[in-house]
Amino acid sequence: MQLLIFAGILALSYLFGSIPFGLVIVRLKTGQDVRQVESGRTGGTNAMRAAGFWAGFFTAILDLLKASACVWLARFALPQSYWLHVLAPLAAIAGHNYSIFLIERNSRGRLRLRGGAGGAPTAGGALGLWAPSFIFILPIGLIVLFIVGYASLATMSIGLISIAIFAYRAWIGASPWQYIFYGVFAEVLLIWALRPNIQRLFRGTERRVGIFAKKTKGNLSNSASNL
């Protein structure tokens, strides 16, 4: 019975994570398909570019909360199953990045799943595991975004910050050591989703924002497609 609950929560977490809130919000507000705008991702940043600030804001909040809700559900169902607490938000991130509701064929006729890059649900999973984590993730992520200048690095920093938070909390005995692996596996998912951005970083062609945006015209309007 416990195994069935475990598997059922993971399946529900993937399905809940697959809900493309950005697609729904942009479609309701403008009639556009956000997948046809700029990066083609369904996250908050691309929703903002397609339909304005509030569309992006509410998309990001809902994407964040859907991963948090999966943690809360896992804790309610199996309070002592720490691995489920970790895997449920990871399933939500996977659903966000590769939504079963956004299945389509690519130019080669192969099936693929569309979605976002996972930044907001990664932050949401950390929030669900330990609510105060957000007071570390948000300012550090903003520093990376607006000072270093790369939105892709800001997104990837969320997983790294989560690792640091839960490693410290495990060290002082405040959280289960399994929670460390939330940040580790979330970072793997972020890196995998952001492979094109990483390639551009190595080539020196990744777009920038923040104080470095002045060096290249048009960066500000096109750079933050990764969250």
C-alpha atoms as a PDB file:
ATOM      1  CA  MET A   1       0.000   0.000   0.000  1.00  0.00           C
ATOM      2  CA  GLN A   2       2.771   2.448   0.883  1.00  0.00           C
ATOM      3  CA  LEU A   3       4.493   1.701  -2.432  1.00  0.00           C
ATOM      4  CA  LEU A   4       1.285   2.461  -4.321  1.00  0.00           C
ATOM      5  CA  ILE A   5       0.915   5.772  -2.477  1.00  0.00           C
ATOM      6  CA  PHE A   6       4.549   6.586  -3.254  1.00  0.00           C
ATOM      7  CA  ALA A   7       4.116   5.862  -6.970  1.00  0.00           C
ATOM      8  CA  GLY A   8       0.763   7.623  -7.116  1.00  0.00           C
ATOM      9  CA  ILE A   9       2.119  10.830  -5.617  1.00  0.00           C
ATOM     10  CA  LEU A  10       5.022  10.847  -8.060  1.00  0.00           C
ATOM     11  CA  ALA A  11       2.618  10.414 -10.978  1.00  0.00           C
ATOM     12  CA  LEU A  12       0.350  13.186  -9.665  1.00  0.00           C
ATOM     13  CA  SER A  13       3.371  15.444  -9.113  1.00  0.00           C
ATOM     14  CA  TYR A  14       4.491  14.984 -12.706  1.00  0.00           C
ATOM     15  CA  LEU A  15       0.995  15.702 -14.001  1.00  0.00           C
ATOM     16  CA  PHE A  16       0.578  18.747 -11.764  1.00  0.00           C
ATOM     17  CA  GLY A  17       3.989  20.018 -12.798  1.00  0.00           C
ATOM     18  CA  SER A  18       2.985  19.540 -16.431  1.00  0.00           C
ATOM     19  CA  ILE A  19       0.202  22.126 -16.208  1.00  0.00           C
ATOM     20  CA  PRO A  20       1.459  24.903 -18.549  1.00  0.00           C
ATOM     21  CA  PHE A  21       0.233  27.926 -16.626  1.00  0.00           C
ATOM     22  CA  GLY A  22       2.152  30.270 -18.905  1.00  0.00           C
ATOM     23  CA  LEU A  23       0.415  28.885 -21.970  1.00  0.00           C
ATOM     24  CA  VAL A  24      -3.014  29.191 -20.331  1.00  0.00           C
ATOM     25  CA  ILE A  25      -2.481  32.735 -18.992  1.00  0.00           C
ATOM     26  CA  VAL A  26      -1.046  34.112 -22.225  1.00  0.00           C
ATOM     27  CA  ARG A  27      -3.792  32.444 -24.273  1.00  0.00           C
ATOM     28  CA  LEU A  28      -6.503  33.924 -22.043  1.00  0.00           C
ATOM     29  CA  LYS A  29      -5.001  37.410 -22.105  1.00  0.00           C
ATOM     30  CA  THR A  30      -3.840  37.769 -25.691  1.00  0.00           C
ATOM     31  CA  GLY A  31      -4.959  34.709 -27.638  1.00  0.00           C
ATOM     32  CA  GLN A  32      -1.316  33.974 -28.488  1.00  0.00           C
ATOM     33  CA  ASP A  33       0.489  30.678 -28.133  1.00  0.00           C
ATOM     34  CA  VAL A  34       3.469  31.431 -25.870  1.00  0.00           C
ATOM     35  CA  ARG A  35       5.376  28.617 -27.586  1.00  0.00           C
ATOM     36  CA  GLN A  36       5.475  30.815 -30.686  1.00  0.00           C
ATOM     37  CA  VAL A  37       7.034  33.750 -28.813  1.00  0.00           C
ATOM     38  CA  GLU A  38      10.803  34.302 -28.426  1.00  0.00           C
ATOM     39  CA  SER A  39      12.322  31.295 -26.582  1.00  0.00           C
ATOM     40  CA  GLY A  40       9.166  29.203 -26.968  1.00  0.00           C
ATOM     41  CA  ARG A  41       9.251  28.262 -23.285  1.00  0.00           C
ATOM     42  CA  THR A  42       6.180  28.356 -21.081  1.00  0.00           C
ATOM     43  CA  GLY A  43       7.758  29.880 -17.966  1.00  0.00           C
ATOM     44  CA  GLY A  44       7.177  33.265 -16.385  1.00  0.00           C
ATOM     45  CA  THR A  45       9.752  35.246 -18.337  1.00  0.00           C
ATOM     46  CA  ASN A  46       8.488  34.223 -21.734  1.00  0.00           C
ATOM     47  CA  ALA A  47       4.906  34.741 -20.569  1.00  0.00           C
ATOM     48  CA  MET A  48       5.876  38.264 -19.499  1.00  0.00           C
ATOM     49  CA  ARG A  49       7.350  38.980 -22.892  1.00  0.00           C
ATOM     50  CA  ALA A  50       4.252  37.643 -24.619  1.00  0.00           C
ATOM     51  CA  ALA A  51       1.572  39.242 -22.450  1.00  0.00           C
ATOM     52  CA  GLY A  52       3.118  41.723 -20.034  1.00  0.00           C
ATOM     53  CA  PHE A  53       4.452  41.881 -16.499  1.00  0.00           C
ATOM     54  CA  TRP A  54       1.423  40.554 -14.642  1.00  0.00           C
ATOM     55  CA  ALA A  55       1.072  37.563 -16.943  1.00  0.00           C
ATOM     56  CA  GLY A  56       4.683  36.686 -16.255  1.00  0.00           C
ATOM     57  CA  PHE A  57       4.337  37.336 -12.542  1.00  0.00           C
ATOM     58  CA  PHE A  58       1.313  35.106 -12.059  1.00  0.00           C
ATOM     59  CA  THR A  59       2.830  32.407 -14.264  1.00  0.00           C
ATOM     60  CA  ALA A  60       5.975  32.372 -12.120  1.00  0.00           C
ATOM     61  CA  ILE A  61       3.970  32.263  -8.880  1.00  0.00           C
ATOM     62  CA  LEU A  62       1.806  29.386 -10.085  1.00  0.00           C
ATOM     63  CA  ASP A  63       4.822  27.481 -11.416  1.00  0.00           C
ATOM     64  CA  LEU A  64       6.519  27.949  -8.058  1.00  0.00           C
ATOM     65  CA  LEU A  65       3.481  26.872  -6.070  1.00  0.00           C
ATOM     66  CA  LYS A  66       2.833  23.736  -8.092  1.00  0.00           C
ATOM     67  CA  ALA A  67       6.175  22.270  -6.965  1.00  0.00           C
ATOM     68  CA  SER A  68       5.623  23.425  -3.376  1.00  0.00           C
ATOM     69  CA  ALA A  69       2.199  21.778  -3.367  1.00  0.00           C
ATOM     70  CA  CYS A  70       3.746  18.478  -4.418  1.00  0.00           C
ATOM     71  CA  VAL A  71       6.061  18.581  -1.387  1.00  0.00           C
ATOM     72  CA  TRP A  72       3.135  19.376   0.913  1.00  0.00           C
ATOM     73  CA  LEU A  73       1.130  16.500  -0.544  1.00  0.00           C
ATOM     74  CA  ALA A  74       4.050  14.094  -0.111  1.00  0.00           C
ATOM     75  CA  ARG A  75       4.558  15.166   3.498  1.00  0.00           C
ATOM     76  CA  PHE A  76       0.863  14.795   4.260  1.00  0.00           C
ATOM     77  CA  ALA A  77       0.638  11.325   2.732  1.00  0.00           C
ATOM     78  CA  LEU A  78       3.936   9.873   3.985  1.00  0.00           C
ATOM     79  CA  PRO A  79       5.482  12.156   6.641  1.00  0.00           C
ATOM     80  CA  GLN A  80       8.552   9.963   7.212  1.00  0.00           C
ATOM     81  CA  SER A  81       9.287   9.167   3.564  1.00  0.00           C
ATOM     82  CA  TYR A  82      12.018  11.747   3.013  1.00  0.00           C
ATOM     83  CA  TRP A  83      12.895  10.441  -0.428  1.00  0.00           C
ATOM     84  CA  LEU A  84       9.305  11.033  -1.525  1.00  0.00           C
ATOM     85  CA  HIS A  85       9.544  14.598  -0.216  1.00  0.00           C
ATOM     86  CA  VAL A  86      12.550  15.020  -2.533  1.00  0.00           C
ATOM     87  CA  LEU A  87      11.260  13.146  -5.558  1.00  0.00           C
ATOM     88  CA  ALA A  88       7.795  14.734  -5.657  1.00  0.00           C
ATOM     89  CA  PRO A  89       9.017  18.271  -6.484  1.00  0.00           C
ATOM     90  CA  LEU A  90      11.607  16.812  -8.854  1.00  0.00           C
ATOM     91  CA  ALA A  91       8.758  15.089 -10.709  1.00  0.00           C
ATOM     92  CA  ALA A  92       6.981  18.458 -10.840  1.00  0.00           C
ATOM     93  CA  ILE A  93      10.101  20.090 -12.329  1.00  0.00           C
ATOM     94  CA  ALA A  94      10.342  17.314 -14.915  1.00  0.00           C
ATOM     95  CA  GLY A  95       6.679  17.839 -15.762  1.00  0.00           C
ATOM     96  CA  HIS A  96       7.198  21.581 -16.083  1.00  0.00           C
ATOM     97  CA  ASN A  97      10.149  21.113 -18.426  1.00  0.00           C
ATOM     98  CA  TYR A  98       8.647  18.208 -20.381  1.00  0.00           C
ATOM     99  CA  SER A  99       4.883  18.545 -20.154  1.00  0.00           C
ATOM    100  CA  ILE A 100       2.740  15.622 -21.241  1.00  0.00           C
ATOM    101  CA  PHE A 101       0.130  18.231 -22.177  1.00  0.00           C
ATOM    102  CA  LEU A 102       2.520  19.849 -24.677  1.00  0.00           C
ATOM    103  CA  ILE A 103       3.466  16.849 -26.762  1.00  0.00           C
ATOM    104  CA  GLU A 104       4.154  17.592 -30.434  1.00  0.00           C
ATOM    105  CA  ARG A 105       6.231  16.514 -33.400  1.00  0.00           C
ATOM    106  CA  ASN A 106       9.436  18.334 -34.286  1.00  0.00           C
ATOM    107  CA  SER A 107      10.643  19.144 -37.786  1.00  0.00           C
ATOM    108  CA  ARG A 108      11.978  15.585 -38.136  1.00  0.00           C
ATOM    109  CA  GLY A 109       8.633  14.080 -37.233  1.00  0.00           C
ATOM    110  CA  ARG A 110       9.781  12.918 -33.800  1.00  0.00           C
ATOM    111  CA  LEU A 111       7.622  13.366 -30.728  1.00  0.00           C
ATOM    112  CA  ARG A 112       8.862  15.829 -28.133  1.00  0.00           C
ATOM    113  CA  LEU A 113       7.579  17.408 -24.953  1.00  0.00           C
ATOM    114  CA  ARG A 114       7.699  21.190 -24.545  1.00  0.00           C
ATOM    115  CA  GLY A 115       7.768  23.292 -21.386  1.00  0.00           C
ATOM    116  CA  GLY A 116       9.953  25.667 -19.405  1.00  0.00           C
ATOM    117  CA  ALA A 117      13.467  25.565 -17.990  1.00  0.00           C
ATOM    118  CA  GLY A 118      12.500  24.758 -14.394  1.00  0.00           C
ATOM    119  CA  GLY A 119      13.702  27.796 -12.458  1.00  0.00           C
ATOM    120  CA  ALA A 120      10.424  28.719 -10.733  1.00  0.00           C
ATOM    121  CA  PRO A 121       9.410  25.149  -9.787  1.00  0.00           C
ATOM    122  CA  THR A 122      12.938  24.476  -8.506  1.00  0.00           C
ATOM    123  CA  ALA A 123      12.563  27.439  -6.164  1.00  0.00           C
ATOM    124  CA  GLY A 124       9.091  26.194  -5.281  1.00  0.00           C
ATOM    125  CA  GLY A 125      10.358  22.746  -4.342  1.00  0.00           C
ATOM    126  CA  ALA A 126      12.936  24.281  -2.012  1.00  0.00           C
ATOM    127  CA  LEU A 127      10.205  26.484  -0.544  1.00  0.00           C
ATOM    128  CA  GLY A 128       8.091  23.412   0.134  1.00  0.00           C
ATOM    129  CA  LEU A 129      10.937  21.583   1.839  1.00  0.00           C
ATOM    130  CA  TRP A 130      11.880  24.586   3.987  1.00  0.00           C
ATOM    131  CA  ALA A 131       9.907  27.813   3.598  1.00  0.00           C
ATOM    132  CA  PRO A 132      12.704  30.250   4.633  1.00  0.00           C
ATOM    133  CA  SER A 133      14.883  28.959   1.794  1.00  0.00           C
ATOM    134  CA  PHE A 134      13.195  31.546  -0.408  1.00  0.00           C
ATOM    135  CA  ILE A 135      14.793  34.435   1.488  1.00  0.00           C
ATOM    136  CA  PHE A 136      18.162  33.102   0.320  1.00  0.00           C
ATOM    137  CA  ILE A 137      17.229  31.942  -3.183  1.00  0.00           C
ATOM    138  CA  LEU A 138      15.502  35.147  -4.307  1.00  0.00           C
ATOM    139  CA  PRO A 139      18.171  37.754  -3.452  1.00  0.00           C
ATOM    140  CA  ILE A 140      21.107  35.607  -4.572  1.00  0.00           C
ATOM    141  CA  GLY A 141      19.357  34.779  -7.831  1.00  0.00           C
ATOM    142  CA  LEU A 142      18.664  38.466  -8.426  1.00  0.00           C
ATOM    143  CA  ILE A 143      22.286  39.343  -7.729  1.00  0.00           C
ATOM    144  CA  VAL A 144      23.430  36.825 -10.333  1.00  0.00           C
ATOM    145  CA  LEU A 145      20.846  38.095 -12.816  1.00  0.00           C
ATOM    146  CA  PHE A 146      21.436  41.818 -12.475  1.00  0.00           C
ATOM    147  CA  ILE A 147      25.106  41.945 -11.497  1.00  0.00           C
ATOM    148  CA  VAL A 148      26.712  39.030 -13.324  1.00  0.00           C
ATOM    149  CA  GLY A 149      24.214  39.527 -16.102  1.00  0.00           C
ATOM    150  CA  TYR A 150      23.285  36.030 -17.291  1.00  0.00           C
ATOM    151  CA  ALA A 151      19.710  34.843 -16.812  1.00  0.00           C
ATOM    152  CA  SER A 152      20.748  31.246 -17.486  1.00  0.00           C
ATOM    153  CA  LEU A 153      23.292  31.383 -14.652  1.00  0.00           C
ATOM    154  CA  ALA A 154      20.676  32.918 -12.363  1.00  0.00           C
ATOM    155  CA  THR A 155      18.391  29.990 -13.112  1.00  0.00           C
ATOM    156  CA  MET A 156      21.118  27.408 -12.512  1.00  0.00           C
ATOM    157  CA  SER A 157      22.104  29.125  -9.282  1.00  0.00           C
ATOM    158  CA  ILE A 158      18.777  28.094  -7.731  1.00  0.00           C
ATOM    159  CA  GLY A 159      19.804  24.448  -7.591  1.00  0.00           C
ATOM    160  CA  LEU A 160      23.234  25.292  -6.207  1.00  0.00           C
ATOM    161  CA  ILE A 161      21.763  27.508  -3.498  1.00  0.00           C
ATOM    162  CA  SER A 162      19.373  24.704  -2.580  1.00  0.00           C
ATOM    163  CA  ILE A 163      22.290  22.290  -2.215  1.00  0.00           C
ATOM    164  CA  ALA A 164      24.072  24.719   0.098  1.00  0.00           C
ATOM    165  CA  ILE A 165      20.960  25.368   2.191  1.00  0.00           C
ATOM    166  CA  PHE A 166      20.063  21.745   2.752  1.00  0.00           C
ATOM    167  CA  ALA A 167      23.671  20.624   3.232  1.00  0.00           C
ATOM    168  CA  TYR A 168      24.052  23.166   6.036  1.00  0.00           C
ATOM    169  CA  ARG A 169      20.707  22.227   7.573  1.00  0.00           C
ATOM    170  CA  ALA A 170      21.600  18.529   7.444  1.00  0.00           C
ATOM    171  CA  TRP A 171      24.975  19.314   9.055  1.00  0.00           C
ATOM    172  CA  ILE A 172      23.307  21.043  12.011  1.00  0.00           C
ATOM    173  CA  GLY A 173      20.640  18.346  12.232  1.00  0.00           C
ATOM    174  CA  ALA A 174      17.744  20.571  11.168  1.00  0.00           C
ATOM    175  CA  SER A 175      16.779  18.682   7.988  1.00  0.00           C
ATOM    176  CA  PRO A 176      17.082  15.105   6.714  1.00  0.00           C
ATOM    177  CA  TRP A 177      20.259  14.510   4.710  1.00  0.00           C
ATOM    178  CA  GLN A 178      18.119  13.275   1.800  1.00  0.00           C
ATOM    179  CA  TYR A 179      17.020  16.854   1.166  1.00  0.00           C
ATOM    180  CA  ILE A 180      20.522  17.658  -0.087  1.00  0.00           C
ATOM    181  CA  PHE A 181      19.803  15.532  -3.116  1.00  0.00           C
ATOM    182  CA  TYR A 182      16.845  17.714  -4.010  1.00  0.00           C
ATOM    183  CA  GLY A 183      19.271  20.477  -4.950  1.00  0.00           C
ATOM    184  CA  VAL A 184      21.636  18.041  -6.683  1.00  0.00           C
ATOM    185  CA  PHE A 185      19.006  16.454  -8.923  1.00  0.00           C
ATOM    186  CA  ALA A 186      17.227  19.758  -9.521  1.00  0.00           C
ATOM    187  CA  GLU A 187      20.505  21.242 -10.711  1.00  0.00           C
ATOM    188  CA  VAL A 188      20.937  18.335 -13.136  1.00  0.00           C
ATOM    189  CA  LEU A 189      17.463  19.017 -14.555  1.00  0.00           C
ATOM    190  CA  LEU A 190      18.223  22.730 -14.889  1.00  0.00           C
ATOM    191  CA  ILE A 191      21.531  22.131 -16.637  1.00  0.00           C
ATOM    192  CA  TRP A 192      19.937  19.663 -19.026  1.00  0.00           C
ATOM    193  CA  ALA A 193      17.136  22.087 -19.907  1.00  0.00           C
ATOM    194  CA  LEU A 194      19.602  24.959 -20.379  1.00  0.00           C
ATOM    195  CA  ARG A 195      22.072  23.119 -22.619  1.00  0.00           C
ATOM    196  CA  PRO A 196      21.674  25.621 -25.497  1.00  0.00           C
ATOM    197  CA  ASN A 197      22.318  28.520 -23.115  1.00  0.00           C
ATOM    198  CA  ILE A 198      25.398  26.818 -21.691  1.00  0.00           C
ATOM    199  CA  GLN A 199      26.764  26.331 -25.186  1.00  0.00           C
ATOM    200  CA  ARG A 200      26.269  30.039 -25.856  1.00  0.00           C
ATOM    201  CA  LEU A 201      28.029  30.859 -22.575  1.00  0.00           C
ATOM    202  CA  PHE A 202      31.089  28.924 -23.716  1.00  0.00           C
ATOM    203  CA  ARG A 203      30.973  30.604 -27.125  1.00  0.00           C
ATOM    204  CA  GLY A 204      30.575  34.020 -25.509  1.00  0.00           C
ATOM    205  CA  THR A 205      27.287  34.683 -27.304  1.00  0.00           C
ATOM    206  CA  GLU A 206      24.834  34.314 -24.422  1.00  0.00           C
ATOM    207  CA  ARG A 207      22.680  37.420 -23.985  1.00  0.00           C
ATOM    208  CA  ARG A 208      23.075  39.538 -20.867  1.00  0.00           C
ATOM    209  CA  VAL A 209      20.943  41.702 -18.616  1.00  0.00           C
ATOM    210  CA  GLY A 210      21.729  44.033 -15.749  1.00  0.00           C
ATOM    211  CA  ILE A 211      24.675  46.407 -15.745  1.00  0.00           C
ATOM    212  CA  PHE A 212      26.336  44.515 -18.622  1.00  0.00           C
ATOM    213  CA  ALA A 213      23.360  44.881 -20.962  1.00  0.00           C
ATOM    214  CA  LYS A 214      24.642  48.234 -22.245  1.00  0.00           C
ATOM    215  CA  LYS A 215      27.545  46.498 -23.919  1.00  0.00           C
ATOM    216  CA  THR A 216      25.256  44.855 -26.457  1.00  0.00           C
ATOM    217  CA  LYS A 217      22.195  46.530 -27.948  1.00  0.00           C
ATOM    218  CA  GLY A 218      18.917  44.744 -27.462  1.00  0.00           C
ATOM    219  CA  ASN A 219      20.070  42.453 -24.673  1.00  0.00           C
ATOM    220  CA  LEU A 220      17.495  43.578 -22.141  1.00  0.00           C
ATOM    221  CA  SER A 221      14.524  42.675 -24.287  1.00  0.00           C
ATOM    222  CA  ASN A 222      15.827  39.271 -25.306  1.00  0.00           C
ATOM    223  CA  SER A 223      17.969  37.872 -22.556  1.00  0.00           C
ATOM    224  CA  ALA A 224      15.860  36.410 -19.752  1.00  0.00           C
ATOM    225  CA  SER A 225      14.224  33.486 -21.549  1.00  0.00           C
ATOM    226  CA  ASN A 226      15.498  30.877 -19.116  1.00  0.00           C
ATOM    227  CA  LEU A 227      13.416  31.124 -15.943  1.00  0.00           C
END
